[in-house]
Every structure is written in structure tokens, then in C-alpha cells.
């Protein structure tokens, strides 16, 4: 059995808007980059849902990063997301990674909170009625 401190995942944001995801298992390290601005431009150009696309890319990048350092049969990723409105109108989305494990071994996660904020372009009435549309969901997925 591998000690918990030997399996880790670190998520950090760079000043240029990129998100780095690094996995470590003893001496093995893998670092992957999500080019956030490029991803958002692609979503805009192709008229794709930006938040759903970002979550899919985040999940896939975490899976690839872990696969590079740890051979496994399945990864369990558990996270919550909170948005101040429906995804299309939200100006703030927070993602919290609750649990990450592979083959029953838990990864220590650094940078488990990801907050995406933008300009709030909703009108006055949309803002004051947003509590009805606020999202607070849990996702538990096997990658």
C-alpha cells in the first residue's frame, strides 16, 4: 500500500490564465496545462457551453495526469460546483474537489478550490431573482 503523502495532485493558476495540473507518485511527476483563454475562445467560436466544456476538459486532464504517474484501473473524482445562476448567465462558479482516488488509494489534493469569475452582465431583475436558479451540485464520476 502506498502512503497517502506519496500520491498528490496540485492544481494552480498562472498569471497568463493557464491552469496547471501536476500529479506526483514518489519520484514520478506529470504536469499538464489547460489553456483556459484558448478553451474559452474555442467555446465562443463553436457556440459550446463554456462551463460544461471546462469541466469535461478538467476531468480529462486530471485523468491523463494521473495515468502518467500511476497505473490504475479506475479513478474516482468527487467534486461540487456552485454557480450564482444557471451556467449560461453565471458570473461566478466555484469548483471544490472533495475526493480523488485511484485503485482505492486516495490522492492528496492541493488547490482543491477553483473559482471562475467574470463580469456580471445580468440585469437588475435577473440578479435579484438568481437565488431561484443558483446551482449547487455534487458530481461523483469514475474516469
N, C-alpha and C. Protein backbone atom coordinates (compact mmCIF):
# COMPACT_ATOMS: atom_id res chain seq x y z
N UNK A 1 0.84 -1.19 0.00
CA UNK A 1 0.00 0.00 0.00
C UNK A 1 0.89 1.25 0.00
N UNK A 2 0.54 2.21 -0.85
CA UNK A 2 1.32 3.44 -0.97
C UNK A 2 0.86 4.41 0.11
N UNK A 3 1.82 5.11 0.73
CA UNK A 3 1.47 6.11 1.73
C UNK A 3 0.74 7.26 1.07
N UNK A 4 -0.22 7.83 1.81
CA UNK A 4 -1.05 8.90 1.26
C UNK A 4 -0.23 10.09 0.77
N UNK A 5 0.81 10.46 1.49
CA UNK A 5 1.58 11.65 1.14
C UNK A 5 2.39 11.46 -0.14
N UNK A 6 2.51 10.22 -0.62
CA UNK A 6 3.27 9.99 -1.83
C UNK A 6 2.45 10.18 -3.10
N UNK A 7 1.14 10.16 -2.98
CA UNK A 7 0.25 10.41 -4.12
C UNK A 7 -0.36 11.80 -3.96
N UNK A 8 -0.06 12.67 -4.89
CA UNK A 8 -0.62 14.02 -4.76
C UNK A 8 -0.97 14.60 -6.12
N UNK A 9 -1.91 15.53 -6.07
CA UNK A 9 -2.33 16.28 -7.25
C UNK A 9 -2.35 17.74 -6.86
N UNK A 10 -1.76 18.58 -7.69
CA UNK A 10 -1.72 20.02 -7.42
C UNK A 10 -2.33 20.76 -8.60
N UNK A 11 -3.25 21.67 -8.28
CA UNK A 11 -3.89 22.50 -9.31
C UNK A 11 -3.55 23.94 -9.00
N UNK A 12 -2.94 24.62 -9.97
CA UNK A 12 -2.57 26.02 -9.78
C UNK A 12 -2.92 26.83 -11.03
N UNK A 13 -3.16 28.10 -10.81
CA UNK A 13 -3.45 29.01 -11.92
C UNK A 13 -2.24 29.90 -12.14
N UNK A 14 -1.90 30.10 -13.39
CA UNK A 14 -0.82 31.01 -13.74
C UNK A 14 -1.39 32.39 -14.04
N UNK A 15 -0.53 33.39 -14.02
CA UNK A 15 -0.97 34.76 -14.29
C UNK A 15 -1.49 34.94 -15.71
N UNK A 16 -1.02 34.11 -16.63
CA UNK A 16 -1.46 34.24 -18.03
C UNK A 16 -2.80 33.55 -18.29
N UNK A 17 -3.41 32.97 -17.25
CA UNK A 17 -4.71 32.35 -17.40
C UNK A 17 -4.68 30.85 -17.57
N UNK A 18 -3.51 30.26 -17.70
CA UNK A 18 -3.41 28.82 -17.82
C UNK A 18 -3.61 28.16 -16.47
N UNK A 19 -4.10 26.94 -16.49
CA UNK A 19 -4.29 26.16 -15.28
C UNK A 19 -3.36 24.96 -15.38
N UNK A 20 -2.48 24.81 -14.39
CA UNK A 20 -1.53 23.69 -14.35
C UNK A 20 -2.07 22.61 -13.44
N UNK A 21 -2.00 21.37 -13.92
CA UNK A 21 -2.39 20.23 -13.11
C UNK A 21 -1.18 19.30 -13.07
N UNK A 22 -0.69 19.05 -11.85
CA UNK A 22 0.50 18.23 -11.66
C UNK A 22 0.16 17.06 -10.74
N UNK A 23 0.56 15.86 -11.15
CA UNK A 23 0.38 14.67 -10.32
C UNK A 23 1.76 14.14 -9.96
N UNK A 24 1.86 13.62 -8.74
CA UNK A 24 3.13 13.09 -8.26
C UNK A 24 2.91 11.76 -7.57
N UNK A 25 3.75 10.80 -7.91
CA UNK A 25 3.77 9.50 -7.26
C UNK A 25 5.22 9.13 -7.03
N UNK A 26 5.65 9.28 -5.79
CA UNK A 26 7.06 9.08 -5.42
C UNK A 26 7.93 9.96 -6.29
N UNK A 27 8.76 9.40 -7.15
CA UNK A 27 9.66 10.21 -7.98
C UNK A 27 9.08 10.61 -9.33
N UNK A 28 7.94 10.05 -9.69
CA UNK A 28 7.33 10.36 -10.99
C UNK A 28 6.46 11.60 -10.87
N UNK A 29 6.59 12.48 -11.86
CA UNK A 29 5.80 13.72 -11.89
C UNK A 29 5.27 13.91 -13.31
N UNK A 30 4.03 14.34 -13.40
CA UNK A 30 3.43 14.68 -14.69
C UNK A 30 2.75 16.03 -14.54
N UNK A 31 2.98 16.91 -15.50
CA UNK A 31 2.37 18.25 -15.48
C UNK A 31 1.65 18.46 -16.80
N UNK A 32 0.38 18.83 -16.71
CA UNK A 32 -0.43 19.14 -17.88
C UNK A 32 -0.98 20.56 -17.73
N UNK A 33 -1.24 21.20 -18.84
CA UNK A 33 -1.72 22.58 -18.85
C UNK A 33 -3.07 22.66 -19.55
N UNK A 34 -3.99 23.38 -18.92
CA UNK A 34 -5.25 23.75 -19.59
C UNK A 34 -5.10 25.22 -19.97
N UNK A 35 -5.11 25.49 -21.25
CA UNK A 35 -5.01 26.86 -21.72
C UNK A 35 -6.42 27.45 -21.71
N UNK A 36 -6.74 28.07 -20.57
CA UNK A 36 -8.10 28.49 -20.29
C UNK A 36 -8.64 29.51 -21.30
N UNK A 37 -7.85 30.51 -21.62
CA UNK A 37 -8.31 31.54 -22.57
C UNK A 37 -8.57 30.94 -23.94
N UNK A 38 -7.70 30.05 -24.37
CA UNK A 38 -7.87 29.38 -25.66
C UNK A 38 -9.13 28.50 -25.64
N UNK A 39 -9.34 27.81 -24.53
CA UNK A 39 -10.53 26.97 -24.38
C UNK A 39 -11.81 27.81 -24.44
N UNK A 40 -11.81 28.95 -23.76
CA UNK A 40 -13.00 29.82 -23.77
C UNK A 40 -13.23 30.42 -25.17
N UNK A 41 -12.15 30.74 -25.87
CA UNK A 41 -12.29 31.25 -27.25
C UNK A 41 -12.88 30.18 -28.16
N UNK A 42 -12.43 28.94 -27.98
CA UNK A 42 -12.96 27.82 -28.76
C UNK A 42 -14.45 27.64 -28.47
N UNK A 43 -14.85 27.72 -27.22
CA UNK A 43 -16.27 27.59 -26.85
C UNK A 43 -17.09 28.70 -27.49
N UNK A 44 -16.57 29.91 -27.46
CA UNK A 44 -17.27 31.04 -28.07
C UNK A 44 -17.41 30.84 -29.58
N UNK A 45 -16.32 30.44 -30.23
CA UNK A 45 -16.30 30.28 -31.68
C UNK A 45 -17.24 29.17 -32.14
N UNK A 46 -17.24 28.05 -31.41
CA UNK A 46 -18.05 26.89 -31.78
C UNK A 46 -19.44 26.91 -31.13
N UNK A 47 -19.73 27.97 -30.36
CA UNK A 47 -21.01 28.10 -29.65
C UNK A 47 -21.26 26.90 -28.74
N UNK A 48 -20.25 26.56 -27.94
CA UNK A 48 -20.33 25.45 -26.99
C UNK A 48 -20.60 25.98 -25.59
N UNK A 49 -21.21 25.20 -24.73
CA UNK A 49 -21.40 25.64 -23.33
C UNK A 49 -20.05 25.67 -22.62
N UNK A 50 -19.63 26.85 -22.21
CA UNK A 50 -18.27 27.05 -21.68
C UNK A 50 -18.01 26.27 -20.41
N UNK A 51 -18.92 26.31 -19.45
CA UNK A 51 -18.66 25.66 -18.17
C UNK A 51 -18.65 24.15 -18.31
N UNK A 52 -19.61 23.60 -19.03
CA UNK A 52 -19.63 22.15 -19.25
C UNK A 52 -18.36 21.69 -19.96
N UNK A 53 -17.94 22.45 -20.95
CA UNK A 53 -16.72 22.11 -21.67
C UNK A 53 -15.51 22.17 -20.75
N UNK A 54 -15.42 23.22 -19.92
CA UNK A 54 -14.31 23.34 -18.98
C UNK A 54 -14.29 22.15 -18.01
N UNK A 55 -15.45 21.77 -17.48
CA UNK A 55 -15.49 20.64 -16.55
C UNK A 55 -15.05 19.34 -17.22
N UNK A 56 -15.47 19.13 -18.47
CA UNK A 56 -15.04 17.94 -19.21
C UNK A 56 -13.53 17.93 -19.44
N UNK A 57 -12.97 19.08 -19.80
CA UNK A 57 -11.53 19.18 -20.02
C UNK A 57 -10.78 18.99 -18.71
N UNK A 58 -11.29 19.56 -17.63
CA UNK A 58 -10.66 19.39 -16.32
C UNK A 58 -10.62 17.92 -15.92
N UNK A 59 -11.74 17.22 -16.07
CA UNK A 59 -11.80 15.80 -15.74
C UNK A 59 -10.82 14.99 -16.59
N UNK A 60 -10.80 15.25 -17.89
CA UNK A 60 -9.90 14.52 -18.79
C UNK A 60 -8.44 14.81 -18.48
N UNK A 61 -8.12 16.05 -18.13
CA UNK A 61 -6.74 16.41 -17.82
C UNK A 61 -6.28 15.78 -16.51
N UNK A 62 -7.15 15.76 -15.52
CA UNK A 62 -6.81 15.08 -14.26
C UNK A 62 -6.55 13.60 -14.53
N UNK A 63 -7.40 12.97 -15.32
CA UNK A 63 -7.23 11.55 -15.64
C UNK A 63 -5.90 11.30 -16.35
N UNK A 64 -5.58 12.12 -17.35
CA UNK A 64 -4.33 11.93 -18.10
C UNK A 64 -3.12 12.13 -17.21
N UNK A 65 -3.18 13.15 -16.36
CA UNK A 65 -2.05 13.45 -15.48
C UNK A 65 -1.80 12.30 -14.51
N UNK A 66 -2.85 11.75 -13.95
CA UNK A 66 -2.69 10.62 -13.01
C UNK A 66 -2.22 9.38 -13.74
N UNK A 67 -2.76 9.13 -14.94
CA UNK A 67 -2.33 7.96 -15.71
C UNK A 67 -0.84 8.00 -16.04
N UNK A 68 -0.27 9.18 -16.17
CA UNK A 68 1.15 9.30 -16.48
C UNK A 68 2.05 8.84 -15.33
N UNK A 69 1.55 8.91 -14.09
CA UNK A 69 2.40 8.59 -12.93
C UNK A 69 1.94 7.38 -12.14
N UNK A 70 0.74 6.88 -12.42
CA UNK A 70 0.18 5.82 -11.59
C UNK A 70 -0.70 4.92 -12.45
N UNK A 71 -0.28 3.66 -12.61
CA UNK A 71 -1.12 2.74 -13.38
C UNK A 71 -2.30 2.33 -12.51
N UNK A 72 -3.48 2.43 -13.07
CA UNK A 72 -4.69 2.19 -12.27
C UNK A 72 -5.79 1.63 -13.15
N UNK A 73 -6.82 1.13 -12.49
CA UNK A 73 -7.98 0.57 -13.19
C UNK A 73 -9.18 1.50 -13.20
N UNK A 74 -9.14 2.51 -12.37
CA UNK A 74 -10.26 3.44 -12.32
C UNK A 74 -9.96 4.58 -11.37
N UNK A 75 -10.38 5.75 -11.75
CA UNK A 75 -10.19 6.94 -10.92
C UNK A 75 -11.57 7.43 -10.49
N UNK A 76 -11.72 7.69 -9.21
CA UNK A 76 -12.96 8.27 -8.69
C UNK A 76 -12.67 9.74 -8.40
N UNK A 77 -13.46 10.61 -9.01
CA UNK A 77 -13.35 12.05 -8.79
C UNK A 77 -14.69 12.53 -8.24
N UNK A 78 -14.65 13.18 -7.09
CA UNK A 78 -15.84 13.72 -6.46
C UNK A 78 -15.62 15.21 -6.27
N UNK A 79 -16.53 16.01 -6.83
CA UNK A 79 -16.41 17.47 -6.68
C UNK A 79 -17.79 18.12 -6.63
N UNK A 80 -17.83 19.31 -6.06
CA UNK A 80 -19.03 20.14 -6.02
C UNK A 80 -18.78 21.35 -6.91
N UNK A 81 -19.84 21.84 -7.51
CA UNK A 81 -19.75 23.14 -8.17
C UNK A 81 -20.92 24.00 -7.71
N UNK A 82 -20.62 25.26 -7.53
CA UNK A 82 -21.62 26.24 -7.10
C UNK A 82 -21.55 27.39 -8.10
N UNK A 83 -22.72 27.79 -8.60
CA UNK A 83 -22.79 28.91 -9.54
C UNK A 83 -23.87 29.86 -9.06
N UNK A 84 -23.67 31.15 -9.27
CA UNK A 84 -24.62 32.14 -8.79
C UNK A 84 -25.85 32.30 -9.70
N UNK A 85 -25.92 31.49 -10.76
CA UNK A 85 -27.07 31.48 -11.67
C UNK A 85 -26.90 30.24 -12.55
N UNK A 86 -27.78 30.04 -13.50
CA UNK A 86 -27.58 28.95 -14.45
C UNK A 86 -26.25 29.20 -15.18
N UNK A 87 -25.64 28.14 -15.68
CA UNK A 87 -24.31 28.27 -16.28
C UNK A 87 -24.23 29.37 -17.33
N UNK A 88 -25.24 29.48 -18.17
CA UNK A 88 -25.19 30.47 -19.27
C UNK A 88 -25.15 31.91 -18.76
N UNK A 89 -25.71 32.16 -17.57
CA UNK A 89 -25.78 33.52 -17.04
C UNK A 89 -24.87 33.76 -15.84
N UNK A 90 -24.23 32.73 -15.34
CA UNK A 90 -23.43 32.85 -14.11
C UNK A 90 -22.21 33.73 -14.32
N UNK A 91 -21.91 34.53 -13.30
CA UNK A 91 -20.70 35.34 -13.33
C UNK A 91 -19.66 34.81 -12.34
N UNK A 92 -20.06 33.83 -11.50
CA UNK A 92 -19.14 33.23 -10.54
C UNK A 92 -19.46 31.74 -10.44
N UNK A 93 -18.44 30.93 -10.63
CA UNK A 93 -18.56 29.48 -10.49
C UNK A 93 -17.40 29.00 -9.63
N UNK A 94 -17.71 28.22 -8.61
CA UNK A 94 -16.67 27.68 -7.73
C UNK A 94 -16.73 26.17 -7.80
N UNK A 95 -15.57 25.56 -8.00
CA UNK A 95 -15.45 24.10 -8.06
C UNK A 95 -14.60 23.68 -6.87
N UNK A 96 -15.09 22.71 -6.12
CA UNK A 96 -14.35 22.19 -4.96
C UNK A 96 -14.16 20.69 -5.14
N UNK A 97 -12.91 20.26 -5.20
CA UNK A 97 -12.62 18.84 -5.31
C UNK A 97 -12.64 18.24 -3.91
N UNK A 98 -13.55 17.29 -3.71
CA UNK A 98 -13.73 16.67 -2.40
C UNK A 98 -12.86 15.43 -2.23
N UNK A 99 -12.76 14.65 -3.30
CA UNK A 99 -12.07 13.37 -3.19
C UNK A 99 -11.51 12.98 -4.55
N UNK A 100 -10.34 12.38 -4.52
CA UNK A 100 -9.71 11.86 -5.72
C UNK A 100 -8.98 10.59 -5.33
N UNK A 101 -9.37 9.48 -5.94
CA UNK A 101 -8.70 8.22 -5.62
C UNK A 101 -8.57 7.36 -6.86
N UNK A 102 -7.54 6.54 -6.83
CA UNK A 102 -7.28 5.58 -7.91
C UNK A 102 -6.94 4.25 -7.26
N UNK A 103 -7.59 3.20 -7.70
CA UNK A 103 -7.40 1.85 -7.13
C UNK A 103 -7.58 1.86 -5.61
N UNK A 104 -8.47 2.66 -5.11
CA UNK A 104 -8.70 2.73 -3.67
C UNK A 104 -7.68 3.54 -2.90
N UNK A 105 -6.67 4.07 -3.58
CA UNK A 105 -5.64 4.90 -2.94
C UNK A 105 -6.04 6.37 -3.12
N UNK A 106 -6.09 7.10 -2.02
CA UNK A 106 -6.52 8.49 -2.08
C UNK A 106 -5.35 9.41 -2.42
N UNK A 107 -5.60 10.35 -3.31
CA UNK A 107 -4.63 11.37 -3.67
C UNK A 107 -4.82 12.57 -2.75
N UNK A 108 -3.72 13.13 -2.28
CA UNK A 108 -3.79 14.38 -1.54
C UNK A 108 -3.89 15.50 -2.58
N UNK A 109 -4.90 16.35 -2.45
CA UNK A 109 -5.16 17.38 -3.45
C UNK A 109 -4.79 18.74 -2.88
N UNK A 110 -3.91 19.43 -3.59
CA UNK A 110 -3.56 20.81 -3.25
C UNK A 110 -4.20 21.70 -4.30
N UNK A 111 -4.84 22.77 -3.87
CA UNK A 111 -5.54 23.65 -4.81
C UNK A 111 -6.89 23.07 -5.15
N UNK A 112 -7.60 22.58 -4.14
CA UNK A 112 -8.87 21.89 -4.39
C UNK A 112 -10.01 22.84 -4.71
N UNK A 113 -9.80 24.15 -4.58
CA UNK A 113 -10.82 25.14 -4.92
C UNK A 113 -10.43 25.86 -6.21
N UNK A 114 -11.34 25.88 -7.17
CA UNK A 114 -11.14 26.61 -8.42
C UNK A 114 -12.30 27.59 -8.53
N UNK A 115 -12.01 28.86 -8.62
CA UNK A 115 -13.06 29.87 -8.74
C UNK A 115 -12.91 30.59 -10.07
N UNK A 116 -13.98 30.61 -10.82
CA UNK A 116 -14.02 31.31 -12.10
C UNK A 116 -14.97 32.49 -11.94
N UNK A 117 -14.46 33.69 -12.20
CA UNK A 117 -15.28 34.89 -12.08
C UNK A 117 -15.16 35.73 -13.33
N UNK A 118 -16.26 36.37 -13.66
CA UNK A 118 -16.27 37.24 -14.82
C UNK A 118 -17.20 38.41 -14.57
N UNK A 119 -17.37 39.23 -15.58
CA UNK A 119 -18.26 40.38 -15.47
C UNK A 119 -19.70 39.90 -15.31
N UNK A 120 -20.43 40.55 -14.42
CA UNK A 120 -21.83 40.20 -14.20
C UNK A 120 -22.69 41.06 -15.12
N UNK A 121 -23.14 40.48 -16.21
CA UNK A 121 -23.88 41.22 -17.23
C UNK A 121 -25.39 41.04 -17.10
N UNK A 122 -25.82 40.41 -16.00
CA UNK A 122 -27.26 40.22 -15.80
C UNK A 122 -27.90 41.56 -15.42
N UNK A 123 -29.14 41.70 -15.81
CA UNK A 123 -29.89 42.89 -15.43
C UNK A 123 -30.31 42.83 -13.97
N UNK A 124 -30.87 43.93 -13.48
CA UNK A 124 -31.25 44.05 -12.08
C UNK A 124 -32.19 42.93 -11.64
N UNK A 125 -33.25 42.68 -12.40
CA UNK A 125 -34.23 41.67 -12.01
C UNK A 125 -33.67 40.26 -12.10
N UNK A 126 -32.78 40.00 -13.04
CA UNK A 126 -32.13 38.68 -13.12
C UNK A 126 -31.24 38.46 -11.90
N UNK A 127 -30.57 39.51 -11.45
CA UNK A 127 -29.71 39.39 -10.27
C UNK A 127 -30.51 39.10 -9.01
N UNK A 128 -31.60 39.84 -8.80
CA UNK A 128 -32.33 39.67 -7.55
C UNK A 128 -33.16 38.38 -7.53
N UNK A 129 -33.42 37.80 -8.69
CA UNK A 129 -34.16 36.54 -8.73
C UNK A 129 -33.25 35.33 -8.95
N UNK A 130 -31.95 35.53 -8.94
CA UNK A 130 -30.99 34.46 -9.24
C UNK A 130 -30.99 33.36 -8.18
N UNK A 131 -31.42 33.67 -6.95
CA UNK A 131 -31.40 32.65 -5.90
C UNK A 131 -32.25 31.44 -6.30
N UNK A 132 -33.22 31.65 -7.16
CA UNK A 132 -34.06 30.54 -7.62
C UNK A 132 -33.32 29.64 -8.61
N UNK A 133 -32.37 30.20 -9.30
CA UNK A 133 -31.66 29.46 -10.34
C UNK A 133 -30.25 29.05 -9.92
N UNK A 134 -29.84 29.44 -8.72
CA UNK A 134 -28.49 29.15 -8.24
C UNK A 134 -28.24 27.64 -8.28
N UNK A 135 -27.06 27.26 -8.73
CA UNK A 135 -26.69 25.85 -8.83
C UNK A 135 -25.76 25.47 -7.70
N UNK A 136 -26.00 24.33 -7.10
CA UNK A 136 -25.13 23.76 -6.07
C UNK A 136 -25.26 22.25 -6.21
N UNK A 137 -24.35 21.66 -6.97
CA UNK A 137 -24.44 20.25 -7.32
C UNK A 137 -23.18 19.49 -6.92
N UNK A 138 -23.36 18.20 -6.69
CA UNK A 138 -22.25 17.29 -6.43
C UNK A 138 -22.11 16.36 -7.61
N UNK A 139 -20.87 16.13 -8.04
CA UNK A 139 -20.58 15.20 -9.12
C UNK A 139 -19.61 14.16 -8.61
N UNK A 140 -19.96 12.91 -8.75
CA UNK A 140 -19.07 11.80 -8.41
C UNK A 140 -18.98 10.95 -9.67
N UNK A 141 -17.79 10.89 -10.24
CA UNK A 141 -17.63 10.26 -11.55
C UNK A 141 -16.43 9.31 -11.53
N UNK A 142 -16.56 8.23 -12.26
CA UNK A 142 -15.41 7.34 -12.46
C UNK A 142 -14.82 7.64 -13.81
N UNK A 143 -13.56 8.01 -13.81
CA UNK A 143 -12.88 8.40 -15.06
C UNK A 143 -12.18 7.21 -15.67
